[in-house]
Amino acid sequence: MAATIGGKSLGNVSSEVSTKSSGLFNMPMPFSDSDEALLMDLMGTSRTITISGVFNGTVSELRTFVTDIEGLQTGEQTNLVFVSSWTNVNKDVLIQDFTHDKAEGNESSVNYNLTLIEGIALE
């Protein structure tokens, strides 16, 4: 299954990195080594997904891809469904960052990086 976000194809995904982090409260004890630090798991978890890929097509299709992804990142985002080509799992996400790079003279592809944060948008 191909990776998508908000129903838009992400082309050829070359890398998908998913990091799930715990918001641990870490309190080292004075004059003690790390094995005596107090840890509390109070803050819940968060997940960041970083996608790297290449989108291939005509110049018009490349421009449409960039415009479509940037159009999802409006400043008033609502939940987007990300479908992973790796896990084939749907996740509700918002777009943190979108970077694209088109090499000079290459009229058939654009490289991109997309950073997503899993969660539910406050409305």
Protein backbone atom coordinates (compact mmCIF):
# COMPACT_ATOMS: atom_id res chain seq x y z
CA MET A 1 0.00 0.00 0.00
CA ALA A 2 1.29 3.47 -0.88
CA ALA A 3 1.84 6.10 1.81
CA THR A 4 -0.64 8.98 1.88
CA ILE A 5 -1.45 12.01 4.00
CA GLY A 6 -4.87 13.57 3.84
CA GLY A 7 -5.58 11.33 0.86
CA LYS A 8 -2.61 12.74 -1.07
CA SER A 9 0.01 10.30 -2.39
CA LEU A 10 3.53 10.64 -0.98
CA GLY A 11 5.13 9.02 -4.00
CA ASN A 12 8.16 6.81 -3.33
CA VAL A 13 8.88 6.80 0.41
CA SER A 14 12.54 5.96 1.00
CA SER A 15 12.54 6.32 4.79
CA GLU A 16 9.97 6.39 7.58
CA VAL A 17 11.25 7.02 11.10
CA SER A 18 8.78 6.84 13.98
CA THR A 19 9.85 8.02 17.43
CA LYS A 20 7.54 7.52 20.41
CA SER A 21 8.70 9.54 23.40
CA SER A 22 7.64 9.43 27.02
CA GLY A 23 7.44 12.73 28.85
CA LEU A 24 9.39 11.44 31.82
CA PHE A 25 10.11 13.67 34.79
CA ASN A 26 13.74 13.00 35.67
CA MET A 27 15.08 14.15 39.04
CA PRO A 28 18.72 13.24 39.68
CA MET A 29 19.58 12.94 43.37
CA PRO A 30 22.34 15.19 44.72
CA PHE A 31 25.69 13.45 45.23
CA SER A 32 24.29 10.26 43.62
CA ASP A 33 24.89 8.32 40.42
CA SER A 34 22.25 7.95 37.70
CA ASP A 35 20.94 4.65 39.04
CA GLU A 36 19.46 6.55 42.00
CA ALA A 37 17.63 9.20 39.96
CA LEU A 38 13.89 9.44 40.55
CA LEU A 39 11.79 8.95 37.42
CA MET A 40 8.08 9.61 37.07
CA ASP A 41 6.00 8.81 34.01
CA LEU A 42 3.44 11.61 34.35
CA MET A 43 3.38 13.47 31.06
CA GLY A 44 2.00 10.92 28.59
CA THR A 45 3.63 10.07 25.29
CA SER A 46 4.09 11.70 21.91
CA ARG A 47 5.04 10.36 18.49
CA THR A 48 7.00 12.10 15.74
CA ILE A 49 7.06 10.53 12.29
CA THR A 50 9.65 11.67 9.75
CA ILE A 51 9.12 10.71 6.13
CA SER A 52 11.72 11.09 3.38
CA GLY A 53 10.89 10.38 -0.20
CA VAL A 54 10.89 11.25 -3.85
CA PHE A 55 7.87 12.28 -5.85
CA ASN A 56 8.18 11.61 -9.59
CA GLY A 57 6.14 13.15 -12.38
CA THR A 58 5.88 15.95 -14.87
CA VAL A 59 6.76 19.50 -13.85
CA SER A 60 3.04 20.17 -13.45
CA GLU A 61 2.59 17.08 -11.25
CA LEU A 62 5.59 18.06 -9.09
CA ARG A 63 4.20 21.55 -8.57
CA THR A 64 0.79 20.08 -7.71
CA PHE A 65 2.39 17.71 -5.15
CA VAL A 66 4.22 20.57 -3.40
CA THR A 67 1.15 22.84 -3.49
CA ASP A 68 -1.10 20.05 -2.17
CA ILE A 69 1.15 19.22 0.80
CA GLU A 70 1.74 22.89 1.63
CA GLY A 71 -2.02 23.43 1.34
CA LEU A 72 -2.55 20.96 4.19
CA GLN A 73 -0.29 23.07 6.42
CA THR A 74 -2.58 26.06 6.79
CA GLY A 75 -1.90 27.56 10.21
CA GLU A 76 -5.31 26.19 11.24
CA GLN A 77 -4.71 22.49 10.69
CA THR A 78 -7.29 19.87 11.41
CA ASN A 79 -6.54 16.18 11.80
CA LEU A 80 -5.07 14.49 8.75
CA VAL A 81 -4.97 10.73 8.27
CA PHE A 82 -1.48 9.43 7.55
CA VAL A 83 -1.36 5.95 6.04
CA SER A 84 2.06 4.37 6.45
CA SER A 85 3.46 2.28 3.62
CA TRP A 86 5.63 0.55 6.23
CA THR A 87 3.12 -0.39 8.95
CA ASN A 88 -0.07 0.04 6.90
CA VAL A 89 -1.59 1.72 9.98
CA ASN A 90 -3.66 4.90 9.91
CA LYS A 91 -2.61 7.65 12.33
CA ASP A 92 -4.19 11.03 13.03
CA VAL A 93 -1.45 13.63 12.56
CA LEU A 94 -0.64 17.27 11.97
CA ILE A 95 2.23 18.48 9.79
CA GLN A 96 5.13 19.98 11.72
CA ASP A 97 7.52 20.55 8.80
CA PHE A 98 7.59 20.05 5.03
CA THR A 99 10.84 20.53 3.12
CA HIS A 100 11.23 19.92 -0.60
CA ASP A 101 14.30 20.08 -2.82
CA LYS A 102 14.28 19.98 -6.59
CA ALA A 103 17.70 19.62 -8.15
CA GLU A 104 18.50 22.03 -10.96
CA GLY A 105 18.05 20.37 -14.33
CA ASN A 106 15.98 17.48 -12.94
CA GLU A 107 12.51 18.04 -14.32
CA SER A 108 11.03 14.69 -13.30
CA SER A 109 11.36 14.43 -9.49
CA VAL A 110 11.38 16.33 -6.22
CA ASN A 111 12.93 15.10 -2.96
CA TYR A 112 11.08 15.87 0.26
CA ASN A 113 11.06 15.47 4.04
CA LEU A 114 7.87 15.57 6.05
CA THR A 115 7.70 15.72 9.86
CA LEU A 116 4.38 14.68 11.39
CA ILE A 117 3.15 14.79 14.98
CA GLU A 118 0.57 12.20 16.01
CA GLY A 119 -2.43 13.44 17.97
CA ILE A 120 -5.76 15.20 17.87
CA ALA A 121 -6.04 18.85 16.84
CA LEU A 122 -7.79 21.17 19.27
CA GLU A 123 -10.62 22.99 17.54
